[in-house]
Amino acid sequence: MSRLARLVRKNLRLIVLGVAVIVFIALLEDVHEGDIMRLDLAAYQLFVVKMRQPWLTPIMEAISELALPVVLLVMLLVVEAFAPGRRPGLCAAVNLLCAVGLNALLKQIVQRPRPEGFRLIAETGYSFPSGHSMVAMAFYGLLAWMVWHYEKDRFVKWLCVTGFCLVIVAVGLSRIYLGVHYASDVIAGFCVSIAWLVVYTRVFAPLFLPERGEGQAD
C-alpha cells in the first residue's frame, strides 16, 4: 500500500492531467452528439427549478462577478504586492491571459449555444466550455498553488487554499444558477484549466517565482 501511495504521489501531476483530459474529452463527445446530458438536466432541476429564490439571485450574481476583469485586476495588484518571487503578478497575469485565449479558441471550435429560456442575466457568445469557470479555476487555482507552495504557516495555508477552492466552485455553480451555462460547460471549463495549471505550474511558473529550494515542495 505504501508503494502504491508513493507511486501516486510521484506521478500525481500526470494523474491529474490525465483525469482532467479524459473527463473533458468525454463531455466534448456528448456535446458533439447535440443532446442535453442527464448531468445538465439534473443540474437544471437542482439549481434552477429548486434553488432559485429572489434573495439568492443577487448573491449568485455577485459570486459570478468574482471572475470579471475588474475584480481579477485588483487581485493581480494584490498578488504583485504581497506574493513572493521576482514577478508574481506577471506570473498570474500571463496565466490568466492564456486561459482566456484558450477558452475563446475552444468556444469557437465547439460552438455550443447557450441555454435558452431560463437566463437571469444577459450573456453573449458560445457556451462550451464556461469562460467564467475556466478563468476562476485558472486564476484562483494558481493562487491556491502559490499559497500551498510557499506559505509556511499551516493554518494560513489551509485557510487560503480552502477559500480559493470555495470561490472556484461557487463561481461555477453561479453560472448554472443564473442559467447562462449547462453543468457540462462548467465541468469542462474546470477540467481544461486544471490540465492547463498542471503544465503552467511546472513549465512557466518557475520563471517568475522563487526557486524550489526557496519555498516549500508542492
C-alpha atoms as a PDB file:
ATOM      1  CA  MET A   1       0.000   0.000   0.000  1.00  0.00           C
ATOM      2  CA  SER A   2       2.817   2.365   0.844  1.00  0.00           C
ATOM      3  CA  ARG A   3       4.425   1.619  -2.508  1.00  0.00           C
ATOM      4  CA  LEU A   4       1.178   2.487  -4.304  1.00  0.00           C
ATOM      5  CA  ALA A   5       0.873   5.707  -2.294  1.00  0.00           C
ATOM      6  CA  ARG A   6       4.426   6.697  -3.195  1.00  0.00           C
ATOM      7  CA  LEU A   7       3.787   5.892  -6.839  1.00  0.00           C
ATOM      8  CA  VAL A   8       0.627   8.001  -6.892  1.00  0.00           C
ATOM      9  CA  ARG A   9       2.363  10.888  -5.142  1.00  0.00           C
ATOM     10  CA  LYS A  10       5.302  10.730  -7.529  1.00  0.00           C
ATOM     11  CA  ASN A  11       3.022  10.811 -10.575  1.00  0.00           C
ATOM     12  CA  LEU A  12       0.262  12.995  -9.145  1.00  0.00           C
ATOM     13  CA  ARG A  13       0.625  15.672 -11.811  1.00  0.00           C
ATOM     14  CA  LEU A  14       0.304  13.156 -14.634  1.00  0.00           C
ATOM     15  CA  ILE A  15      -2.694  11.518 -12.952  1.00  0.00           C
ATOM     16  CA  VAL A  16      -4.486  14.840 -12.500  1.00  0.00           C
ATOM     17  CA  LEU A  17      -3.665  15.845 -16.067  1.00  0.00           C
ATOM     18  CA  GLY A  18      -4.915  12.535 -17.437  1.00  0.00           C
ATOM     19  CA  VAL A  19      -8.174  12.579 -15.490  1.00  0.00           C
ATOM     20  CA  ALA A  20      -8.909  16.185 -16.482  1.00  0.00           C
ATOM     21  CA  VAL A  21      -8.265  15.482 -20.168  1.00  0.00           C
ATOM     22  CA  ILE A  22     -10.343  12.283 -20.143  1.00  0.00           C
ATOM     23  CA  VAL A  23     -13.330  13.983 -18.490  1.00  0.00           C
ATOM     24  CA  PHE A  24     -13.125  16.914 -20.906  1.00  0.00           C
ATOM     25  CA  ILE A  25     -12.997  14.639 -23.950  1.00  0.00           C
ATOM     26  CA  ALA A  26     -15.953  12.614 -22.648  1.00  0.00           C
ATOM     27  CA  LEU A  27     -18.001  15.786 -22.195  1.00  0.00           C
ATOM     28  CA  LEU A  28     -16.924  17.072 -25.597  1.00  0.00           C
ATOM     29  CA  GLU A  29     -18.075  13.867 -27.264  1.00  0.00           C
ATOM     30  CA  ASP A  30     -21.503  14.154 -25.646  1.00  0.00           C
ATOM     31  CA  VAL A  31     -21.793  17.806 -26.643  1.00  0.00           C
ATOM     32  CA  HIS A  32     -20.836  16.870 -30.206  1.00  0.00           C
ATOM     33  CA  GLU A  33     -23.824  14.500 -30.302  1.00  0.00           C
ATOM     34  CA  GLY A  34     -26.051  17.518 -29.777  1.00  0.00           C
ATOM     35  CA  ASP A  35     -28.148  16.119 -26.920  1.00  0.00           C
ATOM     36  CA  ILE A  36     -28.695  17.610 -23.475  1.00  0.00           C
ATOM     37  CA  MET A  37     -26.953  15.338 -20.996  1.00  0.00           C
ATOM     38  CA  ARG A  38     -28.546  13.818 -17.908  1.00  0.00           C
ATOM     39  CA  LEU A  39     -25.998  15.777 -15.917  1.00  0.00           C
ATOM     40  CA  ASP A  40     -27.323  19.026 -17.379  1.00  0.00           C
ATOM     41  CA  LEU A  41     -30.945  18.063 -16.766  1.00  0.00           C
ATOM     42  CA  ALA A  42     -30.207  17.114 -13.160  1.00  0.00           C
ATOM     43  CA  ALA A  43     -28.328  20.371 -12.570  1.00  0.00           C
ATOM     44  CA  TYR A  44     -31.210  22.331 -14.126  1.00  0.00           C
ATOM     45  CA  GLN A  45     -33.691  20.701 -11.752  1.00  0.00           C
ATOM     46  CA  LEU A  46     -31.492  21.379  -8.724  1.00  0.00           C
ATOM     47  CA  PHE A  47     -30.074  24.844  -9.363  1.00  0.00           C
ATOM     48  CA  VAL A  48     -32.823  26.416 -11.476  1.00  0.00           C
ATOM     49  CA  VAL A  49     -36.098  24.745 -10.526  1.00  0.00           C
ATOM     50  CA  LYS A  50     -35.481  24.093  -6.817  1.00  0.00           C
ATOM     51  CA  MET A  51     -32.879  26.630  -5.679  1.00  0.00           C
ATOM     52  CA  ARG A  52     -33.905  29.877  -7.339  1.00  0.00           C
ATOM     53  CA  GLN A  53     -35.113  32.413  -4.794  1.00  0.00           C
ATOM     54  CA  PRO A  54     -35.435  36.217  -5.047  1.00  0.00           C
ATOM     55  CA  TRP A  55     -32.987  36.705  -2.170  1.00  0.00           C
ATOM     56  CA  LEU A  56     -30.428  34.254  -3.582  1.00  0.00           C
ATOM     57  CA  THR A  57     -30.200  35.669  -7.103  1.00  0.00           C
ATOM     58  CA  PRO A  58     -28.261  38.872  -6.182  1.00  0.00           C
ATOM     59  CA  ILE A  59     -25.815  36.724  -4.188  1.00  0.00           C
ATOM     60  CA  MET A  60     -25.221  34.448  -7.173  1.00  0.00           C
ATOM     61  CA  GLU A  61     -24.747  37.465  -9.426  1.00  0.00           C
ATOM     62  CA  ALA A  62     -22.132  38.856  -7.033  1.00  0.00           C
ATOM     63  CA  ILE A  63     -20.336  35.495  -6.890  1.00  0.00           C
ATOM     64  CA  SER A  64     -20.300  35.298 -10.676  1.00  0.00           C
ATOM     65  CA  GLU A  65     -18.640  38.711 -10.790  1.00  0.00           C
ATOM     66  CA  LEU A  66     -15.603  37.324  -8.947  1.00  0.00           C
ATOM     67  CA  ALA A  67     -14.396  36.209 -12.382  1.00  0.00           C
ATOM     68  CA  LEU A  68     -14.897  39.609 -14.039  1.00  0.00           C
ATOM     69  CA  PRO A  69     -11.854  41.551 -15.340  1.00  0.00           C
ATOM     70  CA  VAL A  70     -12.095  44.407 -12.827  1.00  0.00           C
ATOM     71  CA  VAL A  71     -12.065  42.001  -9.867  1.00  0.00           C
ATOM     72  CA  LEU A  72      -9.203  39.989 -11.321  1.00  0.00           C
ATOM     73  CA  LEU A  73      -7.217  43.175 -11.963  1.00  0.00           C
ATOM     74  CA  VAL A  74      -7.490  44.121  -8.288  1.00  0.00           C
ATOM     75  CA  MET A  75      -6.419  40.610  -7.329  1.00  0.00           C
ATOM     76  CA  LEU A  76      -3.437  40.852  -9.664  1.00  0.00           C
ATOM     77  CA  LEU A  77      -2.313  44.035  -7.931  1.00  0.00           C
ATOM     78  CA  VAL A  78      -2.592  42.303  -4.556  1.00  0.00           C
ATOM     79  CA  VAL A  79      -0.577  39.348  -5.832  1.00  0.00           C
ATOM     80  CA  GLU A  80       2.121  41.615  -7.208  1.00  0.00           C
ATOM     81  CA  ALA A  81       2.344  43.475  -3.914  1.00  0.00           C
ATOM     82  CA  PHE A  82       2.389  40.584  -1.466  1.00  0.00           C
ATOM     83  CA  ALA A  83       3.247  37.286  -3.205  1.00  0.00           C
ATOM     84  CA  PRO A  84       6.851  36.020  -3.249  1.00  0.00           C
ATOM     85  CA  GLY A  85       9.043  35.844  -6.318  1.00  0.00           C
ATOM     86  CA  ARG A  86      10.569  38.071  -8.950  1.00  0.00           C
ATOM     87  CA  ARG A  87       7.297  38.853 -10.776  1.00  0.00           C
ATOM     88  CA  PRO A  88       4.335  37.059  -9.119  1.00  0.00           C
ATOM     89  CA  GLY A  89       1.818  39.470 -10.624  1.00  0.00           C
ATOM     90  CA  LEU A  90       3.175  38.866 -14.105  1.00  0.00           C
ATOM     91  CA  CYS A  91       3.056  35.127 -13.467  1.00  0.00           C
ATOM     92  CA  ALA A  92      -0.645  35.358 -12.591  1.00  0.00           C
ATOM     93  CA  ALA A  93      -1.360  37.734 -15.484  1.00  0.00           C
ATOM     94  CA  VAL A  94       0.259  35.510 -18.114  1.00  0.00           C
ATOM     95  CA  ASN A  95      -1.631  32.527 -16.752  1.00  0.00           C
ATOM     96  CA  LEU A  96      -4.910  34.447 -16.901  1.00  0.00           C
ATOM     97  CA  LEU A  97      -4.367  35.679 -20.450  1.00  0.00           C
ATOM     98  CA  CYS A  98      -3.533  32.174 -21.643  1.00  0.00           C
ATOM     99  CA  ALA A  99      -6.670  30.774 -20.011  1.00  0.00           C
ATOM    100  CA  VAL A 100      -8.835  33.459 -21.620  1.00  0.00           C
ATOM    101  CA  GLY A 101      -7.283  32.826 -25.033  1.00  0.00           C
ATOM    102  CA  LEU A 102      -7.677  29.062 -24.709  1.00  0.00           C
ATOM    103  CA  ASN A 103     -11.320  29.477 -23.726  1.00  0.00           C
ATOM    104  CA  ALA A 104     -12.036  31.690 -26.730  1.00  0.00           C
ATOM    105  CA  LEU A 105     -10.383  29.162 -29.039  1.00  0.00           C
ATOM    106  CA  LEU A 106     -12.330  26.205 -27.651  1.00  0.00           C
ATOM    107  CA  LYS A 107     -15.634  28.068 -27.832  1.00  0.00           C
ATOM    108  CA  GLN A 108     -15.064  28.880 -31.489  1.00  0.00           C
ATOM    109  CA  ILE A 109     -14.216  25.251 -32.218  1.00  0.00           C
ATOM    110  CA  VAL A 110     -17.192  23.713 -30.379  1.00  0.00           C
ATOM    111  CA  GLN A 111     -19.780  26.483 -30.913  1.00  0.00           C
ATOM    112  CA  ARG A 112     -22.353  25.168 -28.447  1.00  0.00           C
ATOM    113  CA  PRO A 113     -25.302  27.555 -27.998  1.00  0.00           C
ATOM    114  CA  ARG A 114     -26.090  28.808 -24.528  1.00  0.00           C
ATOM    115  CA  PRO A 115     -29.167  27.529 -22.641  1.00  0.00           C
ATOM    116  CA  GLU A 116     -32.396  29.176 -23.703  1.00  0.00           C
ATOM    117  CA  GLY A 117     -35.463  30.226 -21.786  1.00  0.00           C
ATOM    118  CA  PHE A 118     -34.236  30.479 -18.189  1.00  0.00           C
ATOM    119  CA  ARG A 119     -31.411  33.018 -18.127  1.00  0.00           C
ATOM    120  CA  LEU A 120     -31.420  35.605 -15.343  1.00  0.00           C
ATOM    121  CA  ILE A 121     -28.694  37.758 -16.921  1.00  0.00           C
ATOM    122  CA  ALA A 122     -27.759  38.637 -20.479  1.00  0.00           C
ATOM    123  CA  GLU A 123     -24.725  36.905 -21.970  1.00  0.00           C
ATOM    124  CA  THR A 124     -23.355  36.607 -25.497  1.00  0.00           C
ATOM    125  CA  GLY A 125     -21.094  34.106 -27.202  1.00  0.00           C
ATOM    126  CA  TYR A 126     -20.959  30.344 -27.067  1.00  0.00           C
ATOM    127  CA  SER A 127     -21.429  28.149 -24.041  1.00  0.00           C
ATOM    128  CA  PHE A 128     -18.823  25.355 -24.027  1.00  0.00           C
ATOM    129  CA  PRO A 129     -16.618  25.492 -22.048  1.00  0.00           C
ATOM    130  CA  SER A 130     -17.692  28.077 -19.478  1.00  0.00           C
ATOM    131  CA  GLY A 131     -15.382  31.094 -19.583  1.00  0.00           C
ATOM    132  CA  HIS A 132     -16.079  32.166 -16.008  1.00  0.00           C
ATOM    133  CA  SER A 133     -15.373  28.643 -14.765  1.00  0.00           C
ATOM    134  CA  MET A 134     -12.149  28.396 -16.747  1.00  0.00           C
ATOM    135  CA  VAL A 135     -10.961  31.793 -15.565  1.00  0.00           C
ATOM    136  CA  ALA A 136     -11.890  31.092 -11.941  1.00  0.00           C
ATOM    137  CA  MET A 137     -10.101  27.748 -11.927  1.00  0.00           C
ATOM    138  CA  ALA A 138      -7.032  29.077 -13.745  1.00  0.00           C
ATOM    139  CA  PHE A 139      -6.663  32.294 -11.742  1.00  0.00           C
ATOM    140  CA  TYR A 140      -7.737  31.302  -8.228  1.00  0.00           C
ATOM    141  CA  GLY A 141      -6.306  27.838  -8.764  1.00  0.00           C
ATOM    142  CA  LEU A 142      -2.884  29.344  -9.412  1.00  0.00           C
ATOM    143  CA  LEU A 143      -3.203  31.493  -6.290  1.00  0.00           C
ATOM    144  CA  ALA A 144      -4.062  28.373  -4.301  1.00  0.00           C
ATOM    145  CA  TRP A 145      -0.994  26.636  -5.721  1.00  0.00           C
ATOM    146  CA  MET A 146       1.210  29.607  -4.868  1.00  0.00           C
ATOM    147  CA  VAL A 147      -0.030  29.677  -1.270  1.00  0.00           C
ATOM    148  CA  TRP A 148       0.364  25.914  -0.885  1.00  0.00           C
ATOM    149  CA  HIS A 149       3.804  26.024  -2.456  1.00  0.00           C
ATOM    150  CA  TYR A 150       5.291  28.939  -0.493  1.00  0.00           C
ATOM    151  CA  GLU A 151       3.268  29.664   2.660  1.00  0.00           C
ATOM    152  CA  LYS A 152       4.931  28.181   5.748  1.00  0.00           C
ATOM    153  CA  ASP A 153       2.131  28.755   8.242  1.00  0.00           C
ATOM    154  CA  ARG A 154      -0.038  25.618   8.101  1.00  0.00           C
ATOM    155  CA  PHE A 155      -3.216  27.356   9.267  1.00  0.00           C
ATOM    156  CA  VAL A 156      -2.880  30.199   6.773  1.00  0.00           C
ATOM    157  CA  LYS A 157      -2.077  27.712   4.012  1.00  0.00           C
ATOM    158  CA  TRP A 158      -5.190  25.622   4.575  1.00  0.00           C
ATOM    159  CA  LEU A 159      -7.389  28.674   5.148  1.00  0.00           C
ATOM    160  CA  CYS A 160      -6.352  30.372   1.902  1.00  0.00           C
ATOM    161  CA  VAL A 161      -6.430  27.237  -0.228  1.00  0.00           C
ATOM    162  CA  THR A 162      -9.868  26.291   1.103  1.00  0.00           C
ATOM    163  CA  GLY A 163     -11.116  29.810   0.447  1.00  0.00           C
ATOM    164  CA  PHE A 164      -9.846  29.849  -3.126  1.00  0.00           C
ATOM    165  CA  CYS A 165     -11.361  26.417  -3.794  1.00  0.00           C
ATOM    166  CA  LEU A 166     -14.728  27.573  -2.472  1.00  0.00           C
ATOM    167  CA  VAL A 167     -14.598  30.619  -4.738  1.00  0.00           C
ATOM    168  CA  ILE A 168     -13.879  28.440  -7.778  1.00  0.00           C
ATOM    169  CA  VAL A 169     -16.769  26.080  -7.052  1.00  0.00           C
ATOM    170  CA  ALA A 170     -19.130  28.934  -6.204  1.00  0.00           C
ATOM    171  CA  VAL A 171     -18.406  30.744  -9.472  1.00  0.00           C
ATOM    172  CA  GLY A 172     -19.148  27.587 -11.438  1.00  0.00           C
ATOM    173  CA  LEU A 173     -22.398  26.933  -9.588  1.00  0.00           C
ATOM    174  CA  SER A 174     -23.471  30.552 -10.024  1.00  0.00           C
ATOM    175  CA  ARG A 175     -23.238  30.224 -13.803  1.00  0.00           C
ATOM    176  CA  ILE A 176     -25.608  27.253 -13.735  1.00  0.00           C
ATOM    177  CA  TYR A 177     -27.977  29.009 -11.329  1.00  0.00           C
ATOM    178  CA  LEU A 178     -28.094  32.132 -13.499  1.00  0.00           C
ATOM    179  CA  GLY A 179     -28.997  29.988 -16.496  1.00  0.00           C
ATOM    180  CA  VAL A 180     -26.146  31.040 -18.761  1.00  0.00           C
ATOM    181  CA  HIS A 181     -24.336  27.682 -18.769  1.00  0.00           C
ATOM    182  CA  TYR A 182     -25.039  23.987 -18.629  1.00  0.00           C
ATOM    183  CA  ALA A 183     -23.372  21.978 -15.867  1.00  0.00           C
ATOM    184  CA  SER A 184     -21.265  20.233 -18.518  1.00  0.00           C
ATOM    185  CA  ASP A 185     -19.945  23.637 -19.630  1.00  0.00           C
ATOM    186  CA  VAL A 186     -18.793  24.373 -16.094  1.00  0.00           C
ATOM    187  CA  ILE A 187     -17.176  20.991 -15.510  1.00  0.00           C
ATOM    188  CA  ALA A 188     -15.447  21.158 -18.885  1.00  0.00           C
ATOM    189  CA  GLY A 189     -14.108  24.608 -18.041  1.00  0.00           C
ATOM    190  CA  PHE A 190     -12.737  23.329 -14.750  1.00  0.00           C
ATOM    191  CA  CYS A 191     -11.086  20.364 -16.477  1.00  0.00           C
ATOM    192  CA  VAL A 192      -9.375  22.476 -19.137  1.00  0.00           C
ATOM    193  CA  SER A 193      -7.957  24.882 -16.565  1.00  0.00           C
ATOM    194  CA  ILE A 194      -6.830  22.072 -14.265  1.00  0.00           C
ATOM    195  CA  ALA A 195      -4.933  20.492 -17.154  1.00  0.00           C
ATOM    196  CA  TRP A 196      -3.502  23.877 -18.066  1.00  0.00           C
ATOM    197  CA  LEU A 197      -2.403  24.570 -14.478  1.00  0.00           C
ATOM    198  CA  VAL A 198      -0.564  21.250 -14.323  1.00  0.00           C
ATOM    199  CA  VAL A 199       1.528  22.391 -17.278  1.00  0.00           C
ATOM    200  CA  TYR A 200       1.798  26.046 -16.276  1.00  0.00           C
ATOM    201  CA  THR A 201       2.952  25.436 -12.704  1.00  0.00           C
ATOM    202  CA  ARG A 202       5.621  23.014 -13.924  1.00  0.00           C
ATOM    203  CA  VAL A 203       6.938  24.834 -17.002  1.00  0.00           C
ATOM    204  CA  PHE A 204       6.181  28.552 -16.728  1.00  0.00           C
ATOM    205  CA  ALA A 205       5.620  29.487 -13.074  1.00  0.00           C
ATOM    206  CA  PRO A 206       9.263  28.760 -12.089  1.00  0.00           C
ATOM    207  CA  LEU A 207      10.327  31.527 -14.481  1.00  0.00           C
ATOM    208  CA  PHE A 208       8.564  34.126 -12.302  1.00  0.00           C
ATOM    209  CA  LEU A 209       8.612  32.658  -8.794  1.00  0.00           C
ATOM    210  CA  PRO A 210      11.380  31.668  -6.342  1.00  0.00           C
ATOM    211  CA  GLU A 211      13.459  28.586  -6.955  1.00  0.00           C
ATOM    212  CA  ARG A 212      12.102  25.361  -5.499  1.00  0.00           C
ATOM    213  CA  GLY A 213      14.600  25.387  -2.674  1.00  0.00           C
ATOM    214  CA  GLU A 214      13.387  28.808  -1.525  1.00  0.00           C
ATOM    215  CA  GLY A 215       9.830  27.636  -0.980  1.00  0.00           C
ATOM    216  CA  GLN A 216       8.041  24.523   0.092  1.00  0.00           C
ATOM    217  CA  ALA A 217       7.536  21.452  -2.039  1.00  0.00           C
ATOM    218  CA  ASP A 218       4.227  21.120  -3.812  1.00  0.00           C
END
